[in-house]
Structure formats: C-alpha cells, structure tokens
Amino acid sequence: MRGDVRALDDALNFLLDFLRWWIPYEPSATVVVVFAATVWLYWRGARRSPMTVPWHRQLFFWVGLLIVYVGLHTRLDYYAEHEFFIHRIQHVGLHHMGPFLIALAYPGVTMRRGLPVRFRTRWLKPALQWAPVRLLLDVLLHPFVAALMFVGLIYLWLWPSVHFDAMLDWRLYHLMNYSMAADGMLFWWLILDHRPRPPARLSPGVRVFVALAVILPQILIGAYISFTKTDLYPIYSLCGRAFAGIPPIVDQHIGGLILWIPGSMMSVLAALIAFGHWLRLDSKGRLPRNRKAREAMRARALAAVAAQSEVEGPTALAGSTEKST
C-alpha cells in the first residue's frame, strides 16, 4: 500500500514538474499572439487543402514550431540565462533546427490559404508588390547578405561585451532571441527552397554554395570558444549558475562544441538537401538551361517536319498504299 502511494506521489510530482516546465520564465504577449496566429493560419490552410500538405510536411512544421516555442517561451529560458551551454542549445534550436524543419515543410502556400480571400487580395498582395517591401526582400534575400547575416548574428551576439549587455538588459536579450529566430527562418527558407529559379530566389547551385559557405565561420568561432582557456562570458558566474557542479570553463567549452558540431552539421545537411533538389530538377528538365534546350529541339523537329512536307508533298506524310511485289 505504501509503495502504491509513493509511486502515485512520484507520478504526480513528475506531472507537476512537466507542466511547470511550460510556464514561461519571462512571459511575452507578443510571442503568444505570433504563435497563436501561426498555428491558426497553418491549421486552417491545411484543413482547406489536405491533399497538398502531406503528413510528413505537417510533422516537420509542428515539430519545428514547437522547438522555436520551447526556446522562446518556456522554462528553458531560465537555464539559458544561467548556463552558457544551455544558451547555445537554445540558439541552435532558434537559429538552426526549428527554422530548418519549418522551411522543410514549405508552409508558405498553406499559410496563405489559411488567410481570408478578401485579406489576401486587398492587403497581402498589394503589400508584397509595394516597392519598399520588394526592395527590402531583395536586399535581405540576396545570397551574400543572407550568408553574412546568418554568420554575422552568431558572431555579434557571442562577442563578449555584447553578450554581457544582452544577458543583463531584457530588451537586448529579447532582440537577440527574436533576431536569431527570424534570421533562421529567412536563411533556411532561401536555402531549402525546392523550386527552380524563377520563382525561387536562388538557383539550385547557388543554394548549395551558400549553405557550404557558412560552415567554416561557424567552425572557427566554435573551435575558438571550445579551446580557449579564458573565461569569455563571466556574466553567468555573476548572475549565478544553474548547475554549480559544472566549472565555468567546462561550461564554455561545451557551448563551443555545440556551436561547432551541430551548427555546422545542419549546414552540411542543408547543402545535401539542396543538392538533391538540384539533381531532381535537372532530371525532370525543370532547370532553365534544360527548358531552353528542350524548346530548341522541339523547334528543330517541327522545322524538319515542315521542310519535309513542303518537299515531298502531302502523300509523303500519309505514306504509300501500294503493295510491294
């Protein structure tokens, strides 16, 4: 009897701890509104056109969205502010894994279907065609700018003095997390686009190159943080560490390894996926050079048929009906 009571008590404590994990350390109405709108749009769009949203894409979207939400609005935020390696886990989720999975789901069309038709025609379409918006997107989604921002934000927020201020100022801290999540969405959407150019922003070859180009800078900063003997981020000791048994330099080295290995491997995986899209588009003749060659061959064939019909007359095309002797 006592054993059953103790087991029930342990189960209830585990359930309470699990539920307590989902209570945000720093509640944000902005995060709640944005995530609620995203969930509603995607669910509505998938319900309207279920045949165009296969189950695996829906799984990618929901898992990716959950990873981003956990990084922004759960108890994980407390540990990320008190341990450097947890902070790196948080940013791998916000900047790499979560946006990566969302981009693999290709949710743009589905979420657009979730919007009311009147809103799409009256507000969304004119807004996307507005010259300042188009110019901003052209700048942000330029391959050089996208790669520079992807790597630059990592270096910016890990610069010791900037990182120190961001961990003390809640506004800078939120800006850091939100900018990492937004930049991850833009970058992986650009790299993992499965369409030819146009309508995609980049050609398949450029997508592979950009994904590979961001690997080396991540390796360099991750290796430096992993091997340096200097405590680059004393802010965690000043604010109090979540795990007192982990020395500061070990915490820092683990964080550097998280940036170095998982972050770089996500870029390698993205390059492989982009290369697969390249091969698929090439095999189906959907690349611009393939389309031009196919159109040229068709034009030559039609010209040859037309020339033959003019020289031999209509009976040449119909064929001979005489029996051979």
C-alpha atoms as a PDB file:
ATOM      1  CA  MET A   1       0.000   0.000   0.000  1.00  0.00           C
ATOM      2  CA  ARG A   2       2.768   2.425   0.921  1.00  0.00           C
ATOM      3  CA  GLY A   3       4.561   1.516  -2.303  1.00  0.00           C
ATOM      4  CA  ASP A   4       1.481   2.371  -4.363  1.00  0.00           C
ATOM      5  CA  VAL A   5       1.062   5.706  -2.581  1.00  0.00           C
ATOM      6  CA  ARG A   6       4.720   6.559  -3.117  1.00  0.00           C
ATOM      7  CA  ALA A   7       4.511   5.645  -6.820  1.00  0.00           C
ATOM      8  CA  LEU A   8       1.403   7.823  -7.215  1.00  0.00           C
ATOM      9  CA  ASP A   9       3.139  10.685  -5.420  1.00  0.00           C
ATOM     10  CA  ASP A  10       6.164  10.364  -7.686  1.00  0.00           C
ATOM     11  CA  ALA A  11       3.936  10.338 -10.772  1.00  0.00           C
ATOM     12  CA  LEU A  12       2.102  13.472  -9.631  1.00  0.00           C
ATOM     13  CA  ASN A  13       5.384  15.253  -8.889  1.00  0.00           C
ATOM     14  CA  PHE A  14       6.694  14.308 -12.331  1.00  0.00           C
ATOM     15  CA  LEU A  15       3.498  15.627 -13.940  1.00  0.00           C
ATOM     16  CA  LEU A  16       3.722  18.882 -11.996  1.00  0.00           C
ATOM     17  CA  ASP A  17       7.371  19.312 -12.956  1.00  0.00           C
ATOM     18  CA  PHE A  18       6.488  18.683 -16.588  1.00  0.00           C
ATOM     19  CA  LEU A  19       3.668  21.234 -16.514  1.00  0.00           C
ATOM     20  CA  ARG A  20       5.865  23.721 -14.674  1.00  0.00           C
ATOM     21  CA  TRP A  21       8.406  23.456 -17.497  1.00  0.00           C
ATOM     22  CA  TRP A  22       5.874  25.052 -19.898  1.00  0.00           C
ATOM     23  CA  ILE A  23       5.362  28.104 -17.696  1.00  0.00           C
ATOM     24  CA  PRO A  24       7.384  30.860 -19.400  1.00  0.00           C
ATOM     25  CA  TYR A  25      10.242  32.317 -17.393  1.00  0.00           C
ATOM     26  CA  GLU A  26       9.592  35.728 -18.961  1.00  0.00           C
ATOM     27  CA  PRO A  27       6.021  35.821 -20.366  1.00  0.00           C
ATOM     28  CA  SER A  28       5.590  37.728 -23.617  1.00  0.00           C
ATOM     29  CA  ALA A  29       2.247  38.678 -25.135  1.00  0.00           C
ATOM     30  CA  THR A  30       3.988  39.226 -28.492  1.00  0.00           C
ATOM     31  CA  VAL A  31       5.221  35.627 -28.596  1.00  0.00           C
ATOM     32  CA  VAL A  32       1.784  34.285 -27.657  1.00  0.00           C
ATOM     33  CA  VAL A  33       0.000  36.336 -30.351  1.00  0.00           C
ATOM     34  CA  VAL A  34       2.525  35.457 -33.094  1.00  0.00           C
ATOM     35  CA  PHE A  35       2.473  31.737 -32.317  1.00  0.00           C
ATOM     36  CA  ALA A  36      -1.317  31.640 -31.974  1.00  0.00           C
ATOM     37  CA  ALA A  37      -1.714  33.355 -35.369  1.00  0.00           C
ATOM     38  CA  THR A  38       0.812  30.982 -36.957  1.00  0.00           C
ATOM     39  CA  VAL A  39      -0.915  27.890 -35.569  1.00  0.00           C
ATOM     40  CA  TRP A  40      -4.316  29.138 -36.690  1.00  0.00           C
ATOM     41  CA  LEU A  41      -3.191  30.016 -40.230  1.00  0.00           C
ATOM     42  CA  TYR A  42      -1.369  26.742 -40.825  1.00  0.00           C
ATOM     43  CA  TRP A  43      -4.135  24.592 -39.330  1.00  0.00           C
ATOM     44  CA  ARG A  44      -6.769  26.447 -41.382  1.00  0.00           C
ATOM     45  CA  GLY A  45      -4.741  26.215 -44.594  1.00  0.00           C
ATOM     46  CA  ALA A  46      -4.010  22.504 -44.132  1.00  0.00           C
ATOM     47  CA  ARG A  47      -7.675  21.840 -43.427  1.00  0.00           C
ATOM     48  CA  ARG A  48      -8.746  23.677 -46.582  1.00  0.00           C
ATOM     49  CA  SER A  49      -6.384  21.714 -48.822  1.00  0.00           C
ATOM     50  CA  PRO A  50      -5.305  18.493 -47.060  1.00  0.00           C
ATOM     51  CA  MET A  51      -4.188  16.738 -50.261  1.00  0.00           C
ATOM     52  CA  THR A  52      -1.461  19.325 -50.918  1.00  0.00           C
ATOM     53  CA  VAL A  53       0.005  19.090 -47.379  1.00  0.00           C
ATOM     54  CA  PRO A  54       1.311  15.527 -46.821  1.00  0.00           C
ATOM     55  CA  TRP A  55       1.677  14.251 -43.285  1.00  0.00           C
ATOM     56  CA  HIS A  56       5.473  14.426 -43.207  1.00  0.00           C
ATOM     57  CA  ARG A  57       5.453  18.131 -44.075  1.00  0.00           C
ATOM     58  CA  GLN A  58       2.928  18.777 -41.341  1.00  0.00           C
ATOM     59  CA  LEU A  59       5.142  16.853 -38.920  1.00  0.00           C
ATOM     60  CA  PHE A  60       8.174  18.967 -39.891  1.00  0.00           C
ATOM     61  CA  PHE A  61       6.185  22.151 -39.362  1.00  0.00           C
ATOM     62  CA  TRP A  62       4.718  21.282 -35.967  1.00  0.00           C
ATOM     63  CA  VAL A  63       7.990  19.916 -34.577  1.00  0.00           C
ATOM     64  CA  GLY A  64       9.930  22.942 -35.843  1.00  0.00           C
ATOM     65  CA  LEU A  65       7.368  25.350 -34.413  1.00  0.00           C
ATOM     66  CA  LEU A  66       7.476  23.522 -31.072  1.00  0.00           C
ATOM     67  CA  ILE A  67      11.284  23.806 -30.958  1.00  0.00           C
ATOM     68  CA  VAL A  68      11.129  27.562 -31.563  1.00  0.00           C
ATOM     69  CA  TYR A  69       8.406  27.986 -28.935  1.00  0.00           C
ATOM     70  CA  VAL A  70      10.388  25.995 -26.344  1.00  0.00           C
ATOM     71  CA  GLY A  71      13.398  28.215 -26.996  1.00  0.00           C
ATOM     72  CA  LEU A  72      11.444  31.444 -26.616  1.00  0.00           C
ATOM     73  CA  HIS A  73       8.669  30.915 -24.100  1.00  0.00           C
ATOM     74  CA  THR A  74       9.270  28.107 -21.598  1.00  0.00           C
ATOM     75  CA  ARG A  75      11.362  27.399 -18.518  1.00  0.00           C
ATOM     76  CA  LEU A  76      14.326  26.720 -20.812  1.00  0.00           C
ATOM     77  CA  ASP A  77      14.811  30.492 -20.898  1.00  0.00           C
ATOM     78  CA  TYR A  78      15.815  30.473 -17.217  1.00  0.00           C
ATOM     79  CA  TYR A  79      18.548  27.887 -17.761  1.00  0.00           C
ATOM     80  CA  ALA A  80      19.714  29.663 -20.929  1.00  0.00           C
ATOM     81  CA  GLU A  81      20.316  32.793 -18.836  1.00  0.00           C
ATOM     82  CA  HIS A  82      22.336  30.872 -16.230  1.00  0.00           C
ATOM     83  CA  GLU A  83      24.390  28.372 -18.237  1.00  0.00           C
ATOM     84  CA  PHE A  84      26.299  29.131 -21.443  1.00  0.00           C
ATOM     85  CA  PHE A  85      25.924  25.650 -22.934  1.00  0.00           C
ATOM     86  CA  ILE A  86      22.138  25.774 -22.399  1.00  0.00           C
ATOM     87  CA  HIS A  87      22.168  29.164 -24.096  1.00  0.00           C
ATOM     88  CA  ARG A  88      23.889  27.561 -27.087  1.00  0.00           C
ATOM     89  CA  ILE A  89      21.316  24.739 -27.145  1.00  0.00           C
ATOM     90  CA  GLN A  90      18.601  27.389 -27.130  1.00  0.00           C
ATOM     91  CA  HIS A  91      20.133  29.224 -30.086  1.00  0.00           C
ATOM     92  CA  VAL A  92      20.745  26.053 -32.078  1.00  0.00           C
ATOM     93  CA  GLY A  93      17.008  25.459 -31.764  1.00  0.00           C
ATOM     94  CA  LEU A  94      16.060  29.051 -32.591  1.00  0.00           C
ATOM     95  CA  HIS A  95      18.544  29.661 -35.406  1.00  0.00           C
ATOM     96  CA  HIS A  96      19.082  26.215 -36.871  1.00  0.00           C
ATOM     97  CA  MET A  97      16.881  23.254 -36.019  1.00  0.00           C
ATOM     98  CA  GLY A  98      13.457  24.870 -35.576  1.00  0.00           C
ATOM     99  CA  PRO A  99      13.541  27.147 -38.654  1.00  0.00           C
ATOM    100  CA  PHE A 100      15.218  24.330 -40.638  1.00  0.00           C
ATOM    101  CA  LEU A 101      12.281  21.973 -40.034  1.00  0.00           C
ATOM    102  CA  ILE A 102       9.728  24.705 -40.693  1.00  0.00           C
ATOM    103  CA  ALA A 103      11.426  25.543 -44.002  1.00  0.00           C
ATOM    104  CA  LEU A 104      11.399  21.839 -44.954  1.00  0.00           C
ATOM    105  CA  ALA A 105       7.613  21.883 -44.529  1.00  0.00           C
ATOM    106  CA  TYR A 106       7.266  24.632 -47.201  1.00  0.00           C
ATOM    107  CA  PRO A 107       4.442  26.241 -45.211  1.00  0.00           C
ATOM    108  CA  GLY A 108       4.089  29.450 -47.242  1.00  0.00           C
ATOM    109  CA  VAL A 109       1.335  28.269 -49.587  1.00  0.00           C
ATOM    110  CA  THR A 110      -0.530  26.505 -46.781  1.00  0.00           C
ATOM    111  CA  MET A 111      -0.495  29.566 -44.518  1.00  0.00           C
ATOM    112  CA  ARG A 112      -1.566  31.790 -47.396  1.00  0.00           C
ATOM    113  CA  ARG A 113      -4.561  29.532 -47.958  1.00  0.00           C
ATOM    114  CA  GLY A 114      -5.400  29.996 -44.292  1.00  0.00           C
ATOM    115  CA  LEU A 115      -5.934  33.724 -44.811  1.00  0.00           C
ATOM    116  CA  PRO A 116      -9.356  35.012 -45.865  1.00  0.00           C
ATOM    117  CA  VAL A 117      -9.543  35.597 -49.620  1.00  0.00           C
ATOM    118  CA  ARG A 118     -10.516  39.234 -49.158  1.00  0.00           C
ATOM    119  CA  PHE A 119      -7.475  39.882 -46.957  1.00  0.00           C
ATOM    120  CA  ARG A 120      -5.174  38.212 -49.488  1.00  0.00           C
ATOM    121  CA  THR A 121      -6.451  40.230 -52.451  1.00  0.00           C
ATOM    122  CA  ARG A 122      -6.972  43.547 -50.690  1.00  0.00           C
ATOM    123  CA  TRP A 123      -3.989  43.699 -48.323  1.00  0.00           C
ATOM    124  CA  LEU A 124      -1.416  40.925 -48.718  1.00  0.00           C
ATOM    125  CA  LYS A 125      -0.882  41.060 -52.481  1.00  0.00           C
ATOM    126  CA  PRO A 126      -0.574  44.879 -52.671  1.00  0.00           C
ATOM    127  CA  ALA A 127       1.750  44.865 -49.650  1.00  0.00           C
ATOM    128  CA  LEU A 128       4.089  42.328 -51.272  1.00  0.00           C
ATOM    129  CA  GLN A 129       4.065  44.341 -54.502  1.00  0.00           C
ATOM    130  CA  TRP A 130       4.821  47.616 -52.739  1.00  0.00           C
ATOM    131  CA  ALA A 131       8.209  48.891 -53.903  1.00  0.00           C
ATOM    132  CA  PRO A 132       9.793  49.397 -50.425  1.00  0.00           C
ATOM    133  CA  VAL A 133       8.791  45.864 -49.371  1.00  0.00           C
ATOM    134  CA  ARG A 134      10.157  44.370 -52.586  1.00  0.00           C
ATOM    135  CA  LEU A 135      13.401  46.296 -52.167  1.00  0.00           C
ATOM    136  CA  LEU A 136      13.756  45.124 -48.553  1.00  0.00           C
ATOM    137  CA  LEU A 137      13.185  41.489 -49.552  1.00  0.00           C
ATOM    138  CA  ASP A 138      15.636  41.806 -52.445  1.00  0.00           C
ATOM    139  CA  VAL A 139      18.290  43.023 -50.007  1.00  0.00           C
ATOM    140  CA  LEU A 140      17.619  40.543 -47.191  1.00  0.00           C
ATOM    141  CA  LEU A 141      17.349  37.562 -49.534  1.00  0.00           C
ATOM    142  CA  HIS A 142      20.426  38.367 -51.600  1.00  0.00           C
ATOM    143  CA  PRO A 143      22.757  35.352 -51.195  1.00  0.00           C
ATOM    144  CA  PHE A 144      25.711  37.416 -49.940  1.00  0.00           C
ATOM    145  CA  VAL A 145      23.570  39.386 -47.474  1.00  0.00           C
ATOM    146  CA  ALA A 146      21.759  36.258 -46.276  1.00  0.00           C
ATOM    147  CA  ALA A 147      25.029  34.413 -45.589  1.00  0.00           C
ATOM    148  CA  LEU A 148      26.592  37.472 -43.953  1.00  0.00           C
ATOM    149  CA  MET A 149      23.581  37.963 -41.675  1.00  0.00           C
ATOM    150  CA  PHE A 150      23.428  34.281 -40.776  1.00  0.00           C
ATOM    151  CA  VAL A 151      27.043  34.180 -39.648  1.00  0.00           C
ATOM    152  CA  GLY A 152      27.216  37.803 -38.536  1.00  0.00           C
ATOM    153  CA  LEU A 153      24.428  37.474 -35.982  1.00  0.00           C
ATOM    154  CA  ILE A 154      26.178  34.476 -34.412  1.00  0.00           C
ATOM    155  CA  TYR A 155      29.401  36.472 -34.070  1.00  0.00           C
ATOM    156  CA  LEU A 156      27.587  39.621 -32.918  1.00  0.00           C
ATOM    157  CA  TRP A 157      25.674  38.046 -30.041  1.00  0.00           C
ATOM    158  CA  LEU A 158      28.691  35.954 -28.958  1.00  0.00           C
ATOM    159  CA  TRP A 159      31.021  38.943 -28.856  1.00  0.00           C
ATOM    160  CA  PRO A 160      31.865  39.028 -25.118  1.00  0.00           C
ATOM    161  CA  SER A 161      30.950  42.675 -24.436  1.00  0.00           C
ATOM    162  CA  VAL A 162      27.728  42.473 -26.498  1.00  0.00           C
ATOM    163  CA  HIS A 163      26.805  39.168 -24.888  1.00  0.00           C
ATOM    164  CA  PHE A 164      27.393  40.634 -21.419  1.00  0.00           C
ATOM    165  CA  ASP A 165      24.991  43.513 -22.109  1.00  0.00           C
ATOM    166  CA  ALA A 166      22.389  41.269 -23.744  1.00  0.00           C
ATOM    167  CA  MET A 167      22.223  38.983 -20.718  1.00  0.00           C
ATOM    168  CA  LEU A 168      21.642  41.959 -18.386  1.00  0.00           C
ATOM    169  CA  ASP A 169      19.207  44.035 -20.485  1.00  0.00           C
ATOM    170  CA  TRP A 170      15.903  42.242 -21.112  1.00  0.00           C
ATOM    171  CA  ARG A 171      15.262  44.307 -24.245  1.00  0.00           C
ATOM    172  CA  LEU A 172      18.583  43.311 -25.789  1.00  0.00           C
ATOM    173  CA  TYR A 173      18.019  39.743 -24.665  1.00  0.00           C
ATOM    174  CA  HIS A 174      14.660  39.548 -26.442  1.00  0.00           C
ATOM    175  CA  LEU A 175      16.115  41.266 -29.507  1.00  0.00           C
ATOM    176  CA  MET A 176      18.887  38.658 -29.565  1.00  0.00           C
ATOM    177  CA  ASN A 177      16.499  35.709 -29.453  1.00  0.00           C
ATOM    178  CA  TYR A 178      13.941  37.167 -31.850  1.00  0.00           C
ATOM    179  CA  SER A 179      16.594  38.185 -34.383  1.00  0.00           C
ATOM    180  CA  MET A 180      18.141  34.717 -34.331  1.00  0.00           C
ATOM    181  CA  ALA A 181      14.773  33.046 -34.924  1.00  0.00           C
ATOM    182  CA  ALA A 182      13.775  35.478 -37.700  1.00  0.00           C
ATOM    183  CA  ASP A 183      17.123  35.209 -39.454  1.00  0.00           C
ATOM    184  CA  GLY A 184      16.988  31.417 -39.271  1.00  0.00           C
ATOM    185  CA  MET A 185      13.564  31.467 -40.942  1.00  0.00           C
ATOM    186  CA  LEU A 186      14.800  33.675 -43.787  1.00  0.00           C
ATOM    187  CA  PHE A 187      18.057  31.785 -44.355  1.00  0.00           C
ATOM    188  CA  TRP A 188      16.712  28.236 -44.344  1.00  0.00           C
ATOM    189  CA  TRP A 189      13.692  29.215 -46.444  1.00  0.00           C
ATOM    190  CA  LEU A 190      16.136  30.581 -49.011  1.00  0.00           C
ATOM    191  CA  ILE A 191      18.411  27.511 -48.957  1.00  0.00           C
ATOM    192  CA  LEU A 192      15.788  24.739 -48.757  1.00  0.00           C
ATOM    193  CA  ASP A 193      13.509  26.095 -51.489  1.00  0.00           C
ATOM    194  CA  HIS A 194      12.773  23.138 -53.781  1.00  0.00           C
ATOM    195  CA  ARG A 195      11.664  25.150 -56.815  1.00  0.00           C
ATOM    196  CA  PRO A 196      13.709  26.244 -59.857  1.00  0.00           C
ATOM    197  CA  ARG A 197      14.681  29.872 -60.372  1.00  0.00           C
ATOM    198  CA  PRO A 198      12.315  31.556 -61.075  1.00  0.00           C
ATOM    199  CA  PRO A 199      10.117  31.521 -58.986  1.00  0.00           C
ATOM    200  CA  ALA A 200      12.753  30.674 -56.348  1.00  0.00           C
ATOM    201  CA  ARG A 201      15.136  33.454 -55.343  1.00  0.00           C
ATOM    202  CA  LEU A 202      18.296  31.411 -55.931  1.00  0.00           C
ATOM    203  CA  SER A 203      19.320  28.782 -58.443  1.00  0.00           C
ATOM    204  CA  PRO A 204      19.981  25.286 -57.053  1.00  0.00           C
ATOM    205  CA  GLY A 205      23.749  25.626 -57.438  1.00  0.00           C
ATOM    206  CA  VAL A 206      23.854  28.921 -55.541  1.00  0.00           C
ATOM    207  CA  ARG A 207      21.790  27.401 -52.737  1.00  0.00           C
ATOM    208  CA  VAL A 208      24.341  24.620 -52.316  1.00  0.00           C
ATOM    209  CA  PHE A 209      27.230  27.115 -52.374  1.00  0.00           C
ATOM    210  CA  VAL A 210      25.679  29.433 -49.754  1.00  0.00           C
ATOM    211  CA  ALA A 211      24.919  26.508 -47.418  1.00  0.00           C
ATOM    212  CA  LEU A 212      28.557  25.395 -47.647  1.00  0.00           C
ATOM    213  CA  ALA A 213      29.915  28.942 -47.306  1.00  0.00           C
ATOM    214  CA  VAL A 214      28.552  29.419 -43.773  1.00  0.00           C
ATOM    215  CA  ILE A 215      30.175  26.254 -42.413  1.00  0.00           C
ATOM    216  CA  LEU A 216      33.756  27.485 -41.955  1.00  0.00           C
ATOM    217  CA  PRO A 217      32.892  30.636 -39.921  1.00  0.00           C
ATOM    218  CA  GLN A 218      30.812  28.517 -37.533  1.00  0.00           C
ATOM    219  CA  ILE A 219      33.660  26.020 -37.140  1.00  0.00           C
ATOM    220  CA  LEU A 220      36.161  28.802 -36.433  1.00  0.00           C
ATOM    221  CA  ILE A 221      34.176  30.522 -33.686  1.00  0.00           C
ATOM    222  CA  GLY A 222      33.053  27.216 -32.200  1.00  0.00           C
ATOM    223  CA  ALA A 223      36.639  25.920 -32.101  1.00  0.00           C
ATOM    224  CA  TYR A 224      37.908  29.153 -30.538  1.00  0.00           C
ATOM    225  CA  ILE A 225      35.310  29.046 -27.755  1.00  0.00           C
ATOM    226  CA  SER A 226      35.977  25.322 -27.233  1.00  0.00           C
ATOM    227  CA  PHE A 227      39.761  25.597 -26.862  1.00  0.00           C
ATOM    228  CA  THR A 228      40.373  28.976 -25.264  1.00  0.00           C
ATOM    229  CA  LYS A 229      41.443  28.964 -21.621  1.00  0.00           C
ATOM    230  CA  THR A 230      39.951  32.404 -20.954  1.00  0.00           C
ATOM    231  CA  ASP A 231      36.518  32.772 -19.400  1.00  0.00           C
ATOM    232  CA  LEU A 232      34.870  34.793 -22.165  1.00  0.00           C
ATOM    233  CA  TYR A 233      31.443  35.010 -20.518  1.00  0.00           C
ATOM    234  CA  PRO A 234      31.770  35.758 -16.781  1.00  0.00           C
ATOM    235  CA  ILE A 235      28.194  37.049 -16.749  1.00  0.00           C
ATOM    236  CA  TYR A 236      26.948  33.529 -15.959  1.00  0.00           C
ATOM    237  CA  SER A 237      29.038  33.367 -12.810  1.00  0.00           C
ATOM    238  CA  LEU A 238      27.947  36.867 -11.767  1.00  0.00           C
ATOM    239  CA  CYS A 239      24.255  36.056 -12.173  1.00  0.00           C
ATOM    240  CA  GLY A 240      24.524  32.620 -10.594  1.00  0.00           C
ATOM    241  CA  ARG A 241      24.832  29.328 -12.413  1.00  0.00           C
ATOM    242  CA  ALA A 242      22.002  26.820 -12.723  1.00  0.00           C
ATOM    243  CA  PHE A 243      24.393  23.878 -12.301  1.00  0.00           C
ATOM    244  CA  ALA A 244      27.002  24.645  -9.677  1.00  0.00           C
ATOM    245  CA  GLY A 245      28.896  21.418 -10.335  1.00  0.00           C
ATOM    246  CA  ILE A 246      29.970  22.487 -13.848  1.00  0.00           C
ATOM    247  CA  PRO A 247      33.078  24.736 -13.841  1.00  0.00           C
ATOM    248  CA  PRO A 248      32.776  27.925 -15.961  1.00  0.00           C
ATOM    249  CA  ILE A 249      35.472  26.909 -18.446  1.00  0.00           C
ATOM    250  CA  VAL A 250      33.883  23.471 -18.960  1.00  0.00           C
ATOM    251  CA  ASP A 251      30.513  25.129 -19.493  1.00  0.00           C
ATOM    252  CA  GLN A 252      32.108  27.393 -22.098  1.00  0.00           C
ATOM    253  CA  HIS A 253      33.873  24.525 -23.870  1.00  0.00           C
ATOM    254  CA  ILE A 254      30.650  22.500 -24.097  1.00  0.00           C
ATOM    255  CA  GLY A 255      28.876  25.539 -25.534  1.00  0.00           C
ATOM    256  CA  GLY A 256      31.599  25.952 -28.153  1.00  0.00           C
ATOM    257  CA  LEU A 257      31.280  22.316 -29.178  1.00  0.00           C
ATOM    258  CA  ILE A 258      27.512  22.728 -29.558  1.00  0.00           C
ATOM    259  CA  LEU A 259      28.086  25.681 -31.869  1.00  0.00           C
ATOM    260  CA  TRP A 260      30.886  23.901 -33.713  1.00  0.00           C
ATOM    261  CA  ILE A 261      29.428  20.451 -34.403  1.00  0.00           C
ATOM    262  CA  PRO A 262      25.594  20.559 -34.530  1.00  0.00           C
ATOM    263  CA  GLY A 263      25.550  24.031 -36.111  1.00  0.00           C
ATOM    264  CA  SER A 264      27.981  23.038 -38.867  1.00  0.00           C
ATOM    265  CA  MET A 265      26.279  19.694 -39.457  1.00  0.00           C
ATOM    266  CA  MET A 266      22.947  21.436 -40.043  1.00  0.00           C
ATOM    267  CA  SER A 267      24.601  23.440 -42.835  1.00  0.00           C
ATOM    268  CA  VAL A 268      26.077  20.245 -44.337  1.00  0.00           C
ATOM    269  CA  LEU A 269      22.641  18.617 -44.236  1.00  0.00           C
ATOM    270  CA  ALA A 270      21.104  21.677 -45.896  1.00  0.00           C
ATOM    271  CA  ALA A 271      23.724  21.547 -48.676  1.00  0.00           C
ATOM    272  CA  LEU A 272      22.929  17.857 -49.267  1.00  0.00           C
ATOM    273  CA  ILE A 273      19.194  18.558 -49.429  1.00  0.00           C
ATOM    274  CA  ALA A 274      19.752  21.486 -51.805  1.00  0.00           C
ATOM    275  CA  PHE A 275      21.975  19.277 -53.967  1.00  0.00           C
ATOM    276  CA  GLY A 276      19.226  16.640 -54.039  1.00  0.00           C
ATOM    277  CA  HIS A 277      16.761  19.277 -55.207  1.00  0.00           C
ATOM    278  CA  TRP A 278      19.255  20.263 -57.909  1.00  0.00           C
ATOM    279  CA  LEU A 279      19.504  16.687 -59.183  1.00  0.00           C
ATOM    280  CA  ARG A 280      15.733  16.247 -59.105  1.00  0.00           C
ATOM    281  CA  LEU A 281      15.078  19.437 -61.043  1.00  0.00           C
ATOM    282  CA  ASP A 282      17.754  18.520 -63.576  1.00  0.00           C
ATOM    283  CA  SER A 283      16.354  15.019 -64.105  1.00  0.00           C
ATOM    284  CA  LYS A 284      12.871  16.439 -64.702  1.00  0.00           C
ATOM    285  CA  GLY A 285      14.143  19.089 -67.111  1.00  0.00           C
ATOM    286  CA  ARG A 286      12.924  21.958 -64.964  1.00  0.00           C
ATOM    287  CA  LEU A 287      16.155  23.947 -64.936  1.00  0.00           C
ATOM    288  CA  PRO A 288      16.253  26.984 -67.278  1.00  0.00           C
ATOM    289  CA  ARG A 289      19.017  25.563 -69.485  1.00  0.00           C
ATOM    290  CA  ASN A 290      17.106  22.299 -69.848  1.00  0.00           C
ATOM    291  CA  ARG A 291      13.948  24.135 -70.800  1.00  0.00           C
ATOM    292  CA  LYS A 292      15.802  26.159 -73.437  1.00  0.00           C
ATOM    293  CA  ALA A 293      17.437  23.042 -74.900  1.00  0.00           C
ATOM    294  CA  ARG A 294      14.113  21.206 -74.960  1.00  0.00           C
ATOM    295  CA  GLU A 295      12.384  24.115 -76.698  1.00  0.00           C
ATOM    296  CA  ALA A 296      15.212  24.341 -79.251  1.00  0.00           C
ATOM    297  CA  MET A 297      14.986  20.605 -80.050  1.00  0.00           C
ATOM    298  CA  ARG A 298      11.231  20.875 -80.451  1.00  0.00           C
ATOM    299  CA  ALA A 299      11.594  23.852 -82.771  1.00  0.00           C
ATOM    300  CA  ARG A 300      14.177  21.975 -84.908  1.00  0.00           C
ATOM    301  CA  ALA A 301      11.913  18.911 -85.091  1.00  0.00           C
ATOM    302  CA  LEU A 302       8.920  20.981 -86.183  1.00  0.00           C
ATOM    303  CA  ALA A 303      11.051  22.789 -88.745  1.00  0.00           C
ATOM    304  CA  ALA A 304      12.301  19.464 -90.142  1.00  0.00           C
ATOM    305  CA  VAL A 305       8.757  18.100 -90.438  1.00  0.00           C
ATOM    306  CA  ALA A 306       7.592  21.280 -92.138  1.00  0.00           C
ATOM    307  CA  ALA A 307      10.507  21.205 -94.599  1.00  0.00           C
ATOM    308  CA  GLN A 308       9.868  17.546 -95.447  1.00  0.00           C
ATOM    309  CA  SER A 309       6.188  18.161 -96.088  1.00  0.00           C
ATOM    310  CA  GLU A 310       6.976  21.045 -98.447  1.00  0.00           C
ATOM    311  CA  VAL A 311       9.490  18.989-100.475  1.00  0.00           C
ATOM    312  CA  GLU A 312       7.680  15.637-100.739  1.00  0.00           C
ATOM    313  CA  GLY A 313       4.077  16.838-100.652  1.00  0.00           C
ATOM    314  CA  PRO A 314       1.120  15.596 -98.638  1.00  0.00           C
ATOM    315  CA  THR A 315       1.455  11.957 -99.806  1.00  0.00           C
ATOM    316  CA  ALA A 316       4.867  11.658 -98.147  1.00  0.00           C
ATOM    317  CA  LEU A 317       3.334  12.172 -94.745  1.00  0.00           C
ATOM    318  CA  ALA A 318       0.412   9.851 -95.421  1.00  0.00           C
ATOM    319  CA  GLY A 319       2.678   7.009 -96.600  1.00  0.00           C
ATOM    320  CA  SER A 320       2.471   4.728 -99.655  1.00  0.00           C
ATOM    321  CA  THR A 321      -0.568   2.454-100.096  1.00  0.00           C
ATOM    322  CA  GLU A 322       0.853   0.316-102.949  1.00  0.00           C
ATOM    323  CA  LYS A 323       1.651  -3.336-102.281  1.00  0.00           C
ATOM    324  CA  SER A 324       5.182  -4.464-102.790  1.00  0.00           C
ATOM    325  CA  THR A 325       5.777  -7.169-105.386  1.00  0.00           C
END
